[in-house]
Amino acid sequence: MTQRRLAALAKLSITVVVAAATLAGCADYGRRHHSGRYSPPSQPWVAGPSSPPAPLPPPPRPKL
């Protein structure tokens, strides 16, 4: 693998992880802070940052 390809792959995976974490965090935050009392999240993986999110389908790869 070339360095450029590795960098692109790393950037992509970071983006996916950040997006997943942001979505999960927003859902959890909204539920916890705007409903008065805490209701448990519907997805078990939202609750703990240590457990990985559900695997996402791979996004379409840009042609290099």
PDB file of N, CA and C in Angstrom:
ATOM      1  N   MET A   1       0.840  -1.212   0.000  1.00  0.00           N
ATOM      2  CA  MET A   1       0.000   0.000   0.000  1.00  0.00           C
ATOM      3  C   MET A   1       0.869   1.254   0.000  1.00  0.00           C
ATOM      4  N   THR A   2       0.477   2.200  -0.788  1.00  0.00           N
ATOM      5  CA  THR A   2       1.241   3.441  -0.819  1.00  0.00           C
ATOM      6  C   THR A   2       0.897   4.305   0.385  1.00  0.00           C
ATOM      7  N   GLN A   3       1.758   5.239   0.675  1.00  0.00           N
ATOM      8  CA  GLN A   3       1.545   6.113   1.826  1.00  0.00           C
ATOM      9  C   GLN A   3       0.294   6.968   1.644  1.00  0.00           C
ATOM     10  N   ARG A   4       0.079   7.424   0.414  1.00  0.00           N
ATOM     11  CA  ARG A   4      -1.074   8.276   0.134  1.00  0.00           C
ATOM     12  C   ARG A   4      -2.383   7.508   0.376  1.00  0.00           C
ATOM     13  N   ARG A   5      -2.380   6.254  -0.060  1.00  0.00           N
ATOM     14  CA  ARG A   5      -3.557   5.397   0.103  1.00  0.00           C
ATOM     15  C   ARG A   5      -3.810   5.142   1.595  1.00  0.00           C
ATOM     16  N   LEU A   6      -2.743   4.878   2.337  1.00  0.00           N
ATOM     17  CA  LEU A   6      -2.864   4.656   3.778  1.00  0.00           C
ATOM     18  C   LEU A   6      -3.421   5.888   4.476  1.00  0.00           C
ATOM     19  N   ALA A   7      -2.910   7.051   4.101  1.00  0.00           N
ATOM     20  CA  ALA A   7      -3.387   8.300   4.703  1.00  0.00           C
ATOM     21  C   ALA A   7      -4.867   8.520   4.411  1.00  0.00           C
ATOM     22  N   ALA A   8      -5.266   8.260   3.181  1.00  0.00           N
ATOM     23  CA  ALA A   8      -6.672   8.428   2.806  1.00  0.00           C
ATOM     24  C   ALA A   8      -7.557   7.461   3.603  1.00  0.00           C
ATOM     25  N   LEU A   9      -7.089   6.235   3.739  1.00  0.00           N
ATOM     26  CA  LEU A   9      -7.838   5.219   4.474  1.00  0.00           C
ATOM     27  C   LEU A   9      -7.966   5.608   5.953  1.00  0.00           C
ATOM     28  N   ALA A  10      -6.871   6.092   6.520  1.00  0.00           N
ATOM     29  CA  ALA A  10      -6.889   6.507   7.925  1.00  0.00           C
ATOM     30  C   ALA A  10      -7.854   7.674   8.128  1.00  0.00           C
ATOM     31  N   LYS A  11      -7.796   8.640   7.226  1.00  0.00           N
ATOM     32  CA  LYS A  11      -8.680   9.804   7.322  1.00  0.00           C
ATOM     33  C   LYS A  11     -10.137   9.366   7.230  1.00  0.00           C
ATOM     34  N   LEU A  12     -10.405   8.441   6.313  1.00  0.00           N
ATOM     35  CA  LEU A  12     -11.763   7.943   6.118  1.00  0.00           C
ATOM     36  C   LEU A  12     -12.261   7.214   7.358  1.00  0.00           C
ATOM     37  N   SER A  13     -11.422   6.348   7.909  1.00  0.00           N
ATOM     38  CA  SER A  13     -11.852   5.587   9.086  1.00  0.00           C
ATOM     39  C   SER A  13     -12.065   6.514  10.279  1.00  0.00           C
ATOM     40  N   ILE A  14     -11.210   7.519  10.439  1.00  0.00           N
ATOM     41  CA  ILE A  14     -11.385   8.496  11.517  1.00  0.00           C
ATOM     42  C   ILE A  14     -12.705   9.233  11.334  1.00  0.00           C
ATOM     43  N   THR A  15     -12.987   9.631  10.105  1.00  0.00           N
ATOM     44  CA  THR A  15     -14.240  10.340   9.813  1.00  0.00           C
ATOM     45  C   THR A  15     -15.445   9.484  10.184  1.00  0.00           C
ATOM     46  N   VAL A  16     -15.406   8.218   9.800  1.00  0.00           N
ATOM     47  CA  VAL A  16     -16.521   7.304  10.087  1.00  0.00           C
ATOM     48  C   VAL A  16     -16.697   7.136  11.592  1.00  0.00           C
ATOM     49  N   VAL A  17     -15.589   6.937  12.302  1.00  0.00           N
ATOM     50  CA  VAL A  17     -15.658   6.753  13.754  1.00  0.00           C
ATOM     51  C   VAL A  17     -16.200   8.008  14.426  1.00  0.00           C
ATOM     52  N   VAL A  18     -15.695   9.171  14.009  1.00  0.00           N
ATOM     53  CA  VAL A  18     -16.157  10.431  14.597  1.00  0.00           C
ATOM     54  C   VAL A  18     -17.644  10.649  14.318  1.00  0.00           C
ATOM     55  N   ALA A  19     -18.056  10.363  13.092  1.00  0.00           N
ATOM     56  CA  ALA A  19     -19.471  10.523  12.745  1.00  0.00           C
ATOM     57  C   ALA A  19     -20.348   9.605  13.591  1.00  0.00           C
ATOM     58  N   ALA A  20     -19.931   8.348  13.727  1.00  0.00           N
ATOM     59  CA  ALA A  20     -20.703   7.388  14.528  1.00  0.00           C
ATOM     60  C   ALA A  20     -20.761   7.834  15.988  1.00  0.00           C
ATOM     61  N   ALA A  21     -19.620   8.269  16.512  1.00  0.00           N
ATOM     62  CA  ALA A  21     -19.570   8.706  17.906  1.00  0.00           C
ATOM     63  C   ALA A  21     -20.428   9.956  18.106  1.00  0.00           C
ATOM     64  N   THR A  22     -20.385  10.864  17.138  1.00  0.00           N
ATOM     65  CA  THR A  22     -21.182  12.089  17.236  1.00  0.00           C
ATOM     66  C   THR A  22     -22.664  11.768  17.232  1.00  0.00           C
ATOM     67  N   LEU A  23     -23.076  10.901  16.307  1.00  0.00           N
ATOM     68  CA  LEU A  23     -24.486  10.519  16.240  1.00  0.00           C
ATOM     69  C   LEU A  23     -24.933   9.854  17.543  1.00  0.00           C
ATOM     70  N   ALA A  24     -24.126   8.919  18.022  1.00  0.00           N
ATOM     71  CA  ALA A  24     -24.464   8.214  19.253  1.00  0.00           C
ATOM     72  C   ALA A  24     -24.482   9.187  20.430  1.00  0.00           C
ATOM     73  N   GLY A  25     -23.484  10.056  20.484  1.00  0.00           N
ATOM     74  CA  GLY A  25     -23.394  11.021  21.575  1.00  0.00           C
ATOM     75  C   GLY A  25     -24.550  12.005  21.576  1.00  0.00           C
ATOM     76  N   CYS A  26     -24.942  12.464  20.397  1.00  0.00           N
ATOM     77  CA  CYS A  26     -26.065  13.398  20.300  1.00  0.00           C
ATOM     78  C   CYS A  26     -27.360  12.746  20.769  1.00  0.00           C
ATOM     79  N   ALA A  27     -27.584  11.504  20.321  1.00  0.00           N
ATOM     80  CA  ALA A  27     -28.801  10.794  20.711  1.00  0.00           C
ATOM     81  C   ALA A  27     -28.829  10.610  22.226  1.00  0.00           C
ATOM     82  N   ASP A  28     -27.691  10.207  22.774  1.00  0.00           N
ATOM     83  CA  ASP A  28     -27.604   9.962  24.210  1.00  0.00           C
ATOM     84  C   ASP A  28     -27.756  11.271  24.985  1.00  0.00           C
ATOM     85  N   TYR A  29     -27.075  12.311  24.510  1.00  0.00           N
ATOM     86  CA  TYR A  29     -27.113  13.608  25.187  1.00  0.00           C
ATOM     87  C   TYR A  29     -28.531  14.171  25.198  1.00  0.00           C
ATOM     88  N   GLY A  30     -29.169  14.132  24.045  1.00  0.00           N
ATOM     89  CA  GLY A  30     -30.531  14.649  23.942  1.00  0.00           C
ATOM     90  C   GLY A  30     -31.478  13.908  24.863  1.00  0.00           C
ATOM     91  N   ARG A  31     -31.338  12.604  24.897  1.00  0.00           N
ATOM     92  CA  ARG A  31     -32.211  11.790  25.720  1.00  0.00           C
ATOM     93  C   ARG A  31     -31.995  12.098  27.203  1.00  0.00           C
ATOM     94  N   ARG A  32     -30.738  12.283  27.566  1.00  0.00           N
ATOM     95  CA  ARG A  32     -30.421  12.436  28.976  1.00  0.00           C
ATOM     96  C   ARG A  32     -30.786  13.826  29.483  1.00  0.00           C
ATOM     97  N   HIS A  33     -30.590  14.863  28.663  1.00  0.00           N
ATOM     98  CA  HIS A  33     -30.678  16.225  29.170  1.00  0.00           C
ATOM     99  C   HIS A  33     -31.993  16.930  28.866  1.00  0.00           C
ATOM    100  N   HIS A  34     -32.771  16.416  27.940  1.00  0.00           N
ATOM    101  CA  HIS A  34     -33.972  17.148  27.558  1.00  0.00           C
ATOM    102  C   HIS A  34     -35.269  16.449  27.953  1.00  0.00           C
ATOM    103  N   SER A  35     -35.154  15.252  28.549  1.00  0.00           N
ATOM    104  CA  SER A  35     -36.373  14.528  28.890  1.00  0.00           C
ATOM    105  C   SER A  35     -36.664  14.584  30.394  1.00  0.00           C
ATOM    106  N   GLY A  36     -35.906  15.400  31.130  1.00  0.00           N
ATOM    107  CA  GLY A  36     -36.152  15.496  32.565  1.00  0.00           C
ATOM    108  C   GLY A  36     -35.496  14.374  33.331  1.00  0.00           C
ATOM    109  N   ARG A  37     -35.871  13.148  33.059  1.00  0.00           N
ATOM    110  CA  ARG A  37     -35.192  12.021  33.703  1.00  0.00           C
ATOM    111  C   ARG A  37     -34.589  11.111  32.640  1.00  0.00           C
ATOM    112  N   TYR A  38     -33.582  10.387  33.060  1.00  0.00           N
ATOM    113  CA  TYR A  38     -32.833   9.560  32.100  1.00  0.00           C
ATOM    114  C   TYR A  38     -33.622   8.317  31.731  1.00  0.00           C
ATOM    115  N   SER A  39     -33.803   8.131  30.417  1.00  0.00           N
ATOM    116  CA  SER A  39     -34.379   6.876  29.939  1.00  0.00           C
ATOM    117  C   SER A  39     -33.275   6.117  29.211  1.00  0.00           C
ATOM    118  N   PRO A  40     -33.179   4.819  29.430  1.00  0.00           N
ATOM    119  CA  PRO A  40     -32.069   4.073  28.824  1.00  0.00           C
ATOM    120  C   PRO A  40     -32.122   4.125  27.297  1.00  0.00           C
ATOM    121  N   PRO A  41     -30.977   4.229  26.648  1.00  0.00           N
ATOM    122  CA  PRO A  41     -30.949   4.297  25.184  1.00  0.00           C
ATOM    123  C   PRO A  41     -31.457   3.006  24.554  1.00  0.00           C
ATOM    124  N   SER A  42     -32.033   3.125  23.370  1.00  0.00           N
ATOM    125  CA  SER A  42     -32.575   1.950  22.693  1.00  0.00           C
ATOM    126  C   SER A  42     -31.454   1.044  22.182  1.00  0.00           C
ATOM    127  N   GLN A  43     -30.351   1.643  21.727  1.00  0.00           N
ATOM    128  CA  GLN A  43     -29.213   0.828  21.298  1.00  0.00           C
ATOM    129  C   GLN A  43     -28.284   0.628  22.481  1.00  0.00           C
ATOM    130  N   PRO A  44     -27.922  -0.608  22.796  1.00  0.00           N
ATOM    131  CA  PRO A  44     -27.049  -0.847  23.948  1.00  0.00           C
ATOM    132  C   PRO A  44     -25.665  -0.217  23.784  1.00  0.00           C
ATOM    133  N   TRP A  45     -25.202  -0.059  22.532  1.00  0.00           N
ATOM    134  CA  TRP A  45     -23.843   0.453  22.350  1.00  0.00           C
ATOM    135  C   TRP A  45     -23.745   1.962  22.555  1.00  0.00           C
ATOM    136  N   VAL A  46     -24.869   2.655  22.652  1.00  0.00           N
ATOM    137  CA  VAL A  46     -24.815   4.098  22.875  1.00  0.00           C
ATOM    138  C   VAL A  46     -24.362   4.384  24.305  1.00  0.00           C
ATOM    139  N   ALA A  47     -24.737   3.496  25.227  1.00  0.00           N
ATOM    140  CA  ALA A  47     -24.511   3.758  26.643  1.00  0.00           C
ATOM    141  C   ALA A  47     -23.031   3.815  27.003  1.00  0.00           C
ATOM    142  N   GLY A  48     -22.241   2.881  26.512  1.00  0.00           N
ATOM    143  CA  GLY A  48     -20.846   2.820  26.934  1.00  0.00           C
ATOM    144  C   GLY A  48     -19.887   3.207  25.836  1.00  0.00           C
ATOM    145  N   PRO A  49     -18.989   4.151  26.095  1.00  0.00           N
ATOM    146  CA  PRO A  49     -17.997   4.523  25.080  1.00  0.00           C
ATOM    147  C   PRO A  49     -16.981   3.409  24.839  1.00  0.00           C
ATOM    148  N   SER A  50     -16.872   2.455  25.770  1.00  0.00           N
ATOM    149  CA  SER A  50     -15.871   1.402  25.620  1.00  0.00           C
ATOM    150  C   SER A  50     -16.304   0.369  24.575  1.00  0.00           C
ATOM    151  N   SER A  51     -17.616   0.158  24.432  1.00  0.00           N
ATOM    152  CA  SER A  51     -18.078  -0.822  23.453  1.00  0.00           C
ATOM    153  C   SER A  51     -18.158  -0.169  22.074  1.00  0.00           C
ATOM    154  N   PRO A  52     -17.720  -0.868  21.027  1.00  0.00           N
ATOM    155  CA  PRO A  52     -17.720  -0.275  19.683  1.00  0.00           C
ATOM    156  C   PRO A  52     -19.131  -0.135  19.129  1.00  0.00           C
ATOM    157  N   PRO A  53     -19.357   0.855  18.271  1.00  0.00           N
ATOM    158  CA  PRO A  53     -20.670   1.001  17.641  1.00  0.00           C
ATOM    159  C   PRO A  53     -20.937  -0.124  16.650  1.00  0.00           C
ATOM    160  N   ALA A  54     -22.171  -0.267  16.267  1.00  0.00           N
ATOM    161  CA  ALA A  54     -22.524  -1.281  15.278  1.00  0.00           C
ATOM    162  C   ALA A  54     -21.773  -0.991  13.978  1.00  0.00           C
ATOM    163  N   PRO A  55     -21.275  -2.014  13.306  1.00  0.00           N
ATOM    164  CA  PRO A  55     -20.499  -1.780  12.078  1.00  0.00           C
ATOM    165  C   PRO A  55     -21.337  -1.104  10.997  1.00  0.00           C
ATOM    166  N   LEU A  56     -20.781  -0.059  10.426  1.00  0.00           N
ATOM    167  CA  LEU A  56     -21.471   0.672   9.364  1.00  0.00           C
ATOM    168  C   LEU A  56     -21.103   0.069   8.021  1.00  0.00           C
ATOM    169  N   PRO A  57     -21.987   0.177   7.034  1.00  0.00           N
ATOM    170  CA  PRO A  57     -21.587  -0.254   5.691  1.00  0.00           C
ATOM    171  C   PRO A  57     -20.478   0.666   5.178  1.00  0.00           C
ATOM    172  N   PRO A  58     -19.472   0.116   4.488  1.00  0.00           N
ATOM    173  CA  PRO A  58     -18.366   0.958   4.038  1.00  0.00           C
ATOM    174  C   PRO A  58     -18.832   2.018   3.044  1.00  0.00           C
ATOM    175  N   PRO A  59     -18.412   3.261   3.240  1.00  0.00           N
ATOM    176  CA  PRO A  59     -18.805   4.314   2.308  1.00  0.00           C
ATOM    177  C   PRO A  59     -18.136   4.112   0.945  1.00  0.00           C
ATOM    178  N   PRO A  60     -18.728   4.677  -0.103  1.00  0.00           N
ATOM    179  CA  PRO A  60     -18.109   4.528  -1.426  1.00  0.00           C
ATOM    180  C   PRO A  60     -16.718   5.155  -1.456  1.00  0.00           C
ATOM    181  N   ARG A  61     -15.759   4.420  -1.996  1.00  0.00           N
ATOM    182  CA  ARG A  61     -14.374   4.886  -2.012  1.00  0.00           C
ATOM    183  C   ARG A  61     -14.139   5.857  -3.158  1.00  0.00           C
ATOM    184  N   PRO A  62     -13.513   6.999  -2.877  1.00  0.00           N
ATOM    185  CA  PRO A  62     -13.138   7.894  -3.984  1.00  0.00           C
ATOM    186  C   PRO A  62     -12.006   7.286  -4.796  1.00  0.00           C
ATOM    187  N   LYS A  63     -12.081   7.441  -6.104  1.00  0.00           N
ATOM    188  CA  LYS A  63     -11.008   6.909  -6.960  1.00  0.00           C
ATOM    189  C   LYS A  63      -9.797   7.818  -6.885  1.00  0.00           C
ATOM    190  N   LEU A  64      -8.649   7.218  -6.592  1.00  0.00           N
ATOM    191  CA  LEU A  64      -7.424   8.017  -6.482  1.00  0.00           C
ATOM    192  C   LEU A  64      -6.631   7.954  -7.774  1.00  0.00           C
TER     193      LEU A  64
END
